[in-house]
Protein backbone atom coordinates (compact mmCIF):
# COMPACT_ATOMS: atom_id res chain seq x y z
CA MET A 1 17.15 -86.38 50.87
CA LYS A 2 19.70 -82.84 51.06
CA ILE A 3 18.60 -79.96 49.57
CA ARG A 4 21.26 -77.15 48.72
CA ARG A 5 21.32 -74.66 46.05
CA PHE A 6 22.67 -71.19 45.34
CA ARG A 7 22.44 -68.10 43.23
CA ALA A 8 24.67 -66.31 40.83
CA TYR A 9 24.07 -63.35 38.79
CA ALA A 10 25.42 -63.62 35.24
CA GLU A 11 25.58 -61.90 32.31
CA LYS A 12 25.97 -64.69 29.10
CA ASP A 13 29.93 -64.05 28.90
CA ASP A 14 30.06 -65.24 32.46
CA LEU A 15 27.66 -68.34 32.33
CA GLN A 16 29.63 -69.23 29.35
CA ASN A 17 33.42 -68.90 31.15
CA VAL A 18 32.06 -70.66 34.16
CA LEU A 19 29.99 -73.52 32.63
CA GLU A 20 33.19 -73.86 29.92
CA GLU A 21 35.55 -74.60 32.75
CA PHE A 22 32.45 -76.84 34.43
CA GLN A 23 32.68 -79.02 31.15
CA ASP A 24 36.47 -78.92 31.33
CA LYS A 25 36.53 -80.46 34.80
CA PHE A 26 33.54 -82.94 34.35
CA GLU A 27 32.32 -84.82 31.40
CA ILE A 28 28.63 -83.81 31.50
CA TYR A 29 25.61 -82.93 29.37
CA TYR A 30 22.55 -81.20 29.89
CA VAL A 31 19.05 -82.32 29.73
CA PRO A 32 16.06 -79.63 29.14
CA THR A 33 13.64 -80.16 32.56
CA TYR A 34 10.80 -79.79 30.14
CA SER A 35 10.89 -80.34 26.08
CA ASP A 36 8.22 -80.81 23.88
CA THR A 37 10.16 -82.28 21.06
CA GLY A 38 11.32 -85.24 23.27
CA LYS A 39 14.43 -86.92 24.24
CA ILE A 40 17.24 -83.85 23.91
CA SER A 41 20.59 -83.14 25.09
CA TYR A 42 23.29 -80.98 25.09
CA ASN A 43 27.04 -81.41 25.25
CA SER A 44 27.76 -77.79 25.54
CA ILE A 45 26.34 -74.86 27.10
CA MET A 46 26.91 -72.67 23.98
CA GLU A 47 24.48 -75.31 22.24
CA ILE A 48 21.89 -73.89 24.19
CA GLU A 49 20.22 -71.37 22.58
CA ASN A 50 19.49 -67.93 24.26
CA ALA A 51 21.34 -69.08 27.41
CA GLY A 52 22.11 -65.89 29.99
CA VAL A 53 18.89 -64.30 28.79
CA ASN A 54 15.68 -64.24 30.81
CA PHE A 55 12.16 -64.33 28.74
CA TYR A 56 9.58 -63.92 31.57
CA GLY A 57 10.71 -61.42 34.10
CA SER A 58 10.81 -63.56 36.59
CA HIS A 59 13.58 -66.07 38.32
CA ILE A 60 11.72 -69.28 38.13
CA GLY A 61 11.87 -71.35 35.61
CA ASN A 62 13.05 -69.59 32.76
CA MET A 63 15.14 -72.24 31.36
CA GLN A 64 15.77 -75.34 33.55
CA MET A 65 18.36 -78.05 32.82
CA PHE A 66 19.60 -81.09 34.45
CA VAL A 67 23.58 -81.78 34.41
CA PHE A 68 24.71 -85.36 34.22
CA LEU A 69 27.90 -87.17 33.98
CA LYS A 70 28.39 -88.71 30.47
CA ASN A 71 28.41 -92.13 31.57
CA THR A 72 24.91 -91.23 33.78
CA GLU A 73 21.67 -91.73 31.99
CA CYS A 74 18.65 -89.58 31.98
CA LEU A 75 15.81 -91.03 33.40
CA TRP A 76 12.75 -89.12 31.36
CA ARG A 77 9.66 -89.25 33.28
CA THR A 78 9.78 -92.28 35.60
CA GLU A 79 8.96 -92.25 38.91
CA THR A 80 12.35 -93.40 39.92
CA GLY A 81 13.42 -90.27 39.54
CA ASN A 82 17.17 -88.55 38.33
CA SER A 83 19.07 -88.65 41.76
CA ALA A 84 22.55 -88.24 40.44
CA CYS A 85 22.40 -84.64 38.99
CA ILE A 86 21.99 -81.15 39.44
CA CYS A 87 19.64 -78.76 38.15
CA ILE A 88 20.37 -75.12 36.81
CA ASP A 89 17.83 -72.55 36.21
CA LEU A 90 19.62 -70.38 33.91
CA ASN A 91 18.89 -66.90 33.90
CA GLY A 92 20.40 -63.70 32.78
CA ILE A 93 19.67 -60.36 31.36
CA TYR A 94 15.50 -59.33 31.19
CA GLN A 95 15.19 -56.38 28.44
CA GLU A 96 18.52 -55.02 28.81
CA ASN A 97 17.76 -53.18 32.30
CA ALA A 98 17.20 -55.95 35.03
CA ILE A 99 19.24 -59.45 35.35
CA PHE A 100 17.88 -62.43 37.15
CA PRO A 101 20.16 -64.72 39.24
CA THR A 102 20.78 -68.25 37.95
CA GLU A 103 20.14 -70.94 40.39
CA ILE A 104 22.00 -74.17 40.80
CA SER A 105 20.55 -77.07 43.14
CA THR A 106 20.31 -80.18 43.91
CA MET A 107 17.53 -82.65 46.18
CA TYR A 108 20.12 -85.31 46.12
CA TYR A 109 23.00 -83.58 47.96
CA ASP A 110 23.65 -87.13 49.97
CA ASN A 111 24.33 -88.51 46.31
CA GLU A 112 27.97 -88.63 45.76
CA THR A 113 27.72 -88.43 42.11
CA ALA A 114 25.38 -84.93 42.78
CA LYS A 115 27.38 -83.90 45.79
CA ARG A 116 30.70 -83.76 43.24
CA LEU A 117 28.97 -81.62 40.54
CA TYR A 118 27.19 -79.27 42.93
CA ASP A 119 30.18 -78.70 45.08
CA GLY A 120 32.77 -78.36 41.62
CA LEU A 121 29.97 -76.10 39.93
CA LYS A 122 29.73 -73.67 43.10
CA LYS A 123 33.88 -73.48 43.19
CA ILE A 124 33.87 -72.30 39.86
CA PHE A 125 31.26 -70.28 40.55
CA ARG A 126 32.82 -68.58 43.90
CA LYS A 127 36.47 -68.31 41.81
CA GLN A 128 34.97 -66.56 39.01
CA ALA A 129 32.63 -63.82 40.99
CA VAL A 130 33.92 -60.74 41.85
CA LYS A 131 32.19 -60.39 44.73
CA SER A 132 29.17 -62.09 46.96
CA VAL A 133 26.04 -60.23 48.03
CA ASN A 134 23.58 -61.83 50.73
CA GLY A 135 25.23 -65.60 49.47
CA ALA A 136 24.67 -64.95 45.85
CA TYR A 137 27.88 -64.76 43.34
CA ILE A 138 28.21 -61.53 41.54
CA CYS A 139 30.03 -62.55 38.27
CA PRO A 140 32.60 -59.91 36.56
CA LYS A 141 30.26 -59.08 33.63
CA ALA A 142 27.00 -58.42 35.89
CA TYR A 143 29.09 -56.29 38.56
CA GLU A 144 30.92 -54.51 35.54
CA HIS A 145 27.15 -53.61 34.38
CA LYS A 146 25.58 -53.08 37.89
CA GLY A 147 24.59 -49.38 37.00
CA ASN A 148 22.62 -50.94 34.27
CA TYR A 149 20.52 -53.42 36.18
CA ARG A 150 18.23 -54.25 38.72
CA PHE A 151 18.97 -57.20 40.42
CA CYS A 152 16.24 -58.73 40.60
CA THR A 153 15.44 -61.45 42.97
CA ILE A 154 11.28 -62.42 42.72
CA ASP A 155 9.74 -60.68 39.50
CA ILE A 156 10.42 -58.12 37.61
CA LYS A 157 6.99 -56.23 39.07
CA SER A 158 8.47 -56.54 42.57
CA PRO A 159 9.45 -53.27 43.86
CA PRO A 160 12.80 -52.48 43.79
CA GLU A 161 13.29 -52.51 47.37
CA TYR A 162 13.17 -56.11 47.07
CA ASP A 163 16.02 -55.97 44.59
CA LEU A 164 19.50 -56.93 45.74
CA LYS A 165 21.71 -54.45 46.11
CA VAL A 166 25.21 -54.83 44.63
CA GLU A 167 27.56 -51.88 45.65
């Protein structure tokens, strides 16, 4: 099992641009990692309410989605698991003064499909980002409003010294 992950600071418009390009290149669908309403999926990132918003003031578990190719079935709550997918932890702006990174990861980089999805999405983020700081991509709108945000890496309660410094 090979694990890969990267982060990107992005506002809603940034996420929409990146993920729409991703959706154009790959026939995919999104599945929440947890759902109280049973099996649910989305064909477009714009169907996901509040994408680009952080509700908790933490970078962990804001809105996690599995991403699958259309011809791959999501195995809900099974022991065999989902190895042909990537995970997107959607984040964004928290209370207008902080921004948290969206994290893209896979635990199954050695799976050909997961590798293709992960590498494809990373390439799009790299292409659309204005810059990279400590390995995190900074997308255009987030960079444009950098004076308004703390680029939080852990939690809103963390000291500002822990924030990513974006010049």
